[in-house]
C-alpha atoms as a PDB file:
ATOM      1  CA  MET A   1      82.755 157.821 -52.566  1.00  0.00           C
ATOM      2  CA  ILE A   2      79.693 156.621 -54.445  1.00  0.00           C
ATOM      3  CA  PHE A   3      76.509 157.114 -52.471  1.00  0.00           C
ATOM      4  CA  ASP A   4      73.676 154.622 -52.272  1.00  0.00           C
ATOM      5  CA  LYS A   5      70.354 156.323 -53.036  1.00  0.00           C
ATOM      6  CA  ARG A   6      68.499 154.070 -50.593  1.00  0.00           C
ATOM      7  CA  SER A   7      69.825 155.718 -47.432  1.00  0.00           C
ATOM      8  CA  PRO A   8      70.526 159.325 -46.453  1.00  0.00           C
ATOM      9  CA  VAL A   9      73.958 160.638 -47.424  1.00  0.00           C
ATOM     10  CA  TYR A  10      74.728 161.810 -43.885  1.00  0.00           C
ATOM     11  CA  GLU A  11      74.194 158.237 -42.614  1.00  0.00           C
ATOM     12  CA  GLN A  12      76.579 156.936 -45.267  1.00  0.00           C
ATOM     13  CA  ILE A  13      79.179 159.490 -44.176  1.00  0.00           C
ATOM     14  CA  ILE A  14      78.787 158.253 -40.596  1.00  0.00           C
ATOM     15  CA  GLU A  15      79.212 154.634 -41.743  1.00  0.00           C
ATOM     16  CA  MET A  16      82.308 155.589 -43.736  1.00  0.00           C
ATOM     17  CA  HIS A  17      83.837 157.123 -40.611  1.00  0.00           C
ATOM     18  CA  LYS A  18      82.862 154.127 -38.466  1.00  0.00           C
ATOM     19  CA  GLN A  19      84.594 151.789 -40.913  1.00  0.00           C
ATOM     20  CA  LYS A  20      87.728 153.922 -40.931  1.00  0.00           C
ATOM     21  CA  ILE A  21      87.794 153.959 -37.124  1.00  0.00           C
ATOM     22  CA  VAL A  22      87.253 150.198 -36.841  1.00  0.00           C
ATOM     23  CA  SER A  23      89.831 149.389 -39.526  1.00  0.00           C
ATOM     24  CA  GLY A  24      92.442 151.664 -37.969  1.00  0.00           C
ATOM     25  CA  ASP A  25      92.546 154.045 -40.937  1.00  0.00           C
ATOM     26  CA  PHE A  26      91.607 156.731 -38.408  1.00  0.00           C
ATOM     27  CA  GLN A  27      93.645 156.717 -35.209  1.00  0.00           C
ATOM     28  CA  PRO A  28      92.378 157.898 -31.801  1.00  0.00           C
ATOM     29  CA  GLY A  29      92.780 161.667 -31.551  1.00  0.00           C
ATOM     30  CA  GLN A  30      93.446 162.067 -35.279  1.00  0.00           C
ATOM     31  CA  GLU A  31      92.107 165.237 -36.867  1.00  0.00           C
ATOM     32  CA  ILE A  32      89.553 164.692 -39.590  1.00  0.00           C
ATOM     33  CA  PRO A  33      88.744 167.054 -42.463  1.00  0.00           C
ATOM     34  CA  SER A  34      86.726 170.160 -41.713  1.00  0.00           C
ATOM     35  CA  ARG A  35      83.062 170.029 -42.573  1.00  0.00           C
ATOM     36  CA  ARG A  36      83.551 172.273 -45.586  1.00  0.00           C
ATOM     37  CA  GLU A  37      86.626 170.345 -46.766  1.00  0.00           C
ATOM     38  CA  LEU A  38      84.848 166.988 -46.559  1.00  0.00           C
ATOM     39  CA  ALA A  39      81.785 168.419 -48.305  1.00  0.00           C
ATOM     40  CA  THR A  40      84.031 169.574 -51.141  1.00  0.00           C
ATOM     41  CA  GLN A  41      85.806 166.196 -51.335  1.00  0.00           C
ATOM     42  CA  LEU A  42      82.529 164.266 -51.403  1.00  0.00           C
ATOM     43  CA  LYS A  43      80.688 166.819 -53.551  1.00  0.00           C
ATOM     44  CA  VAL A  44      77.832 167.142 -51.058  1.00  0.00           C
ATOM     45  CA  ASN A  45      76.141 170.026 -49.287  1.00  0.00           C
ATOM     46  CA  PRO A  46      78.128 171.255 -46.237  1.00  0.00           C
ATOM     47  CA  ASN A  47      74.925 170.965 -44.173  1.00  0.00           C
ATOM     48  CA  THR A  48      74.918 167.225 -44.895  1.00  0.00           C
ATOM     49  CA  VAL A  49      78.432 166.862 -43.497  1.00  0.00           C
ATOM     50  CA  GLN A  50      77.482 169.095 -40.561  1.00  0.00           C
ATOM     51  CA  ARG A  51      74.607 166.740 -39.750  1.00  0.00           C
ATOM     52  CA  ALA A  52      76.887 163.698 -39.974  1.00  0.00           C
ATOM     53  CA  TYR A  53      79.480 165.306 -37.689  1.00  0.00           C
ATOM     54  CA  LYS A  54      76.810 166.326 -35.177  1.00  0.00           C
ATOM     55  CA  GLU A  55      75.485 162.754 -35.103  1.00  0.00           C
ATOM     56  CA  MET A  56      79.008 161.354 -34.710  1.00  0.00           C
ATOM     57  CA  GLU A  57      79.639 163.723 -31.811  1.00  0.00           C
ATOM     58  CA  GLY A  58      76.408 162.488 -30.221  1.00  0.00           C
ATOM     59  CA  LEU A  59      77.576 158.894 -30.705  1.00  0.00           C
ATOM     60  CA  GLY A  60      80.920 159.680 -29.082  1.00  0.00           C
ATOM     61  CA  LEU A  61      82.886 158.903 -32.247  1.00  0.00           C
ATOM     62  CA  ILE A  62      84.381 162.380 -32.676  1.00  0.00           C
ATOM     63  CA  TYR A  63      84.837 165.510 -30.604  1.00  0.00           C
ATOM     64  CA  THR A  64      85.478 169.148 -31.383  1.00  0.00           C
ATOM     65  CA  ASP A  65      87.264 171.626 -29.124  1.00  0.00           C
ATOM     66  CA  GLY A  66      86.111 175.146 -29.886  1.00  0.00           C
ATOM     67  CA  ASN A  67      86.894 176.223 -33.428  1.00  0.00           C
ATOM     68  CA  SER A  68      89.561 173.585 -34.052  1.00  0.00           C
ATOM     69  CA  LEU A  69      89.183 170.605 -36.360  1.00  0.00           C
ATOM     70  CA  SER A  70      87.158 167.643 -35.150  1.00  0.00           C
ATOM     71  CA  LYS A  71      89.090 164.616 -33.935  1.00  0.00           C
ATOM     72  CA  ILE A  72      88.450 160.910 -33.605  1.00  0.00           C
ATOM     73  CA  THR A  73      87.597 159.880 -30.059  1.00  0.00           C
ATOM     74  CA  ASP A  74      90.458 158.997 -27.726  1.00  0.00           C
ATOM     75  CA  SER A  75      88.220 156.566 -25.848  1.00  0.00           C
ATOM     76  CA  GLN A  76      89.540 153.039 -26.365  1.00  0.00           C
ATOM     77  CA  SER A  77      86.384 151.646 -24.768  1.00  0.00           C
ATOM     78  CA  ARG A  78      84.206 153.524 -27.286  1.00  0.00           C
ATOM     79  CA  ILE A  79      86.338 152.253 -30.166  1.00  0.00           C
ATOM     80  CA  GLN A  80      86.168 148.705 -28.800  1.00  0.00           C
ATOM     81  CA  THR A  81      82.389 148.997 -28.472  1.00  0.00           C
ATOM     82  CA  LEU A  82      82.193 150.219 -32.069  1.00  0.00           C
ATOM     83  CA  ARG A  83      84.274 147.231 -33.219  1.00  0.00           C
ATOM     84  CA  GLN A  84      81.968 144.860 -31.346  1.00  0.00           C
ATOM     85  CA  GLU A  85      78.858 146.517 -32.820  1.00  0.00           C
ATOM     86  CA  THR A  86      80.334 146.326 -36.323  1.00  0.00           C
ATOM     87  CA  LEU A  87      81.159 142.646 -35.889  1.00  0.00           C
ATOM     88  CA  GLU A  88      77.702 141.854 -34.542  1.00  0.00           C
ATOM     89  CA  ASP A  89      75.996 143.752 -37.373  1.00  0.00           C
ATOM     90  CA  ALA A  90      78.033 141.874 -39.994  1.00  0.00           C
ATOM     91  CA  LEU A  91      77.352 138.557 -38.291  1.00  0.00           C
ATOM     92  CA  MET A  92      73.605 139.210 -38.096  1.00  0.00           C
ATOM     93  CA  ALA A  93      73.498 140.191 -41.780  1.00  0.00           C
ATOM     94  CA  PHE A  94      75.330 136.961 -42.643  1.00  0.00           C
ATOM     95  CA  ILE A  95      72.992 134.840 -40.501  1.00  0.00           C
ATOM     96  CA  GLU A  96      69.888 136.462 -41.992  1.00  0.00           C
ATOM     97  CA  THR A  97      71.208 135.802 -45.498  1.00  0.00           C
ATOM     98  CA  VAL A  98      72.064 132.139 -44.943  1.00  0.00           C
ATOM     99  CA  ARG A  99      68.779 131.546 -43.120  1.00  0.00           C
ATOM    100  CA  THR A 100      66.897 132.622 -46.262  1.00  0.00           C
ATOM    101  CA  ILE A 101      68.851 129.965 -48.153  1.00  0.00           C
ATOM    102  CA  GLY A 102      67.637 127.402 -45.633  1.00  0.00           C
ATOM    103  CA  LEU A 103      70.945 126.312 -44.122  1.00  0.00           C
ATOM    104  CA  GLU A 104      70.850 124.642 -40.721  1.00  0.00           C
ATOM    105  CA  ASP A 105      73.089 125.810 -37.869  1.00  0.00           C
ATOM    106  CA  GLU A 106      75.513 122.910 -38.272  1.00  0.00           C
ATOM    107  CA  ALA A 107      75.931 123.545 -42.001  1.00  0.00           C
ATOM    108  CA  ILE A 108      76.562 127.229 -41.308  1.00  0.00           C
ATOM    109  CA  LEU A 109      79.191 126.430 -38.672  1.00  0.00           C
ATOM    110  CA  ASN A 110      80.890 123.891 -40.948  1.00  0.00           C
ATOM    111  CA  LEU A 111      81.017 126.428 -43.764  1.00  0.00           C
ATOM    112  CA  ILE A 112      82.572 129.022 -41.464  1.00  0.00           C
ATOM    113  CA  LYS A 113      85.156 126.530 -40.160  1.00  0.00           C
ATOM    114  CA  THR A 114      86.058 125.495 -43.707  1.00  0.00           C
ATOM    115  CA  ARG A 115      86.526 129.092 -44.843  1.00  0.00           C
ATOM    116  CA  LEU A 116      88.554 129.973 -41.749  1.00  0.00           C
ATOM    117  CA  LYS A 117      90.912 127.070 -42.484  1.00  0.00           C
ATOM    118  CA  GLU A 118      91.300 128.310 -46.056  1.00  0.00           C
ATOM    119  CA  VAL A 119      92.216 131.773 -44.796  1.00  0.00           C
ATOM    120  CA  ASP A 120      94.591 130.493 -42.099  1.00  0.00           C
ATOM    121  CA  PRO A 121      95.519 126.836 -42.667  1.00  0.00           C
ATOM    122  CA  ASN A 122      97.666 126.783 -39.494  1.00  0.00           C
ATOM    123  CA  ASP A 123      94.591 126.753 -37.234  1.00  0.00           C
END
């Protein structure tokens, strides 16, 4: 993983995990690497990974039982909420970008419809 210097590494680790949860790369209840193991893989300080894991626990994305490995949440509602948040964030970023270009709502919608047809011509 290549880190962006504009945001804290622990936040980028959280985002990486969110993307893996949303995409299905991480399954509900799946064990994730230990803090030390992930720190070694990413070549970061173990305290950075510890902070990311603590934040993810606070967000309900992972849980840890005692001294065992942390696991992805089993909560389907939490995963669904995360998917919705991810979609809304991506949509807002898109809208903000096209607004700076000066596109009107109708032009934006037409562009989206055109691209959707290119992706799935059966619609």
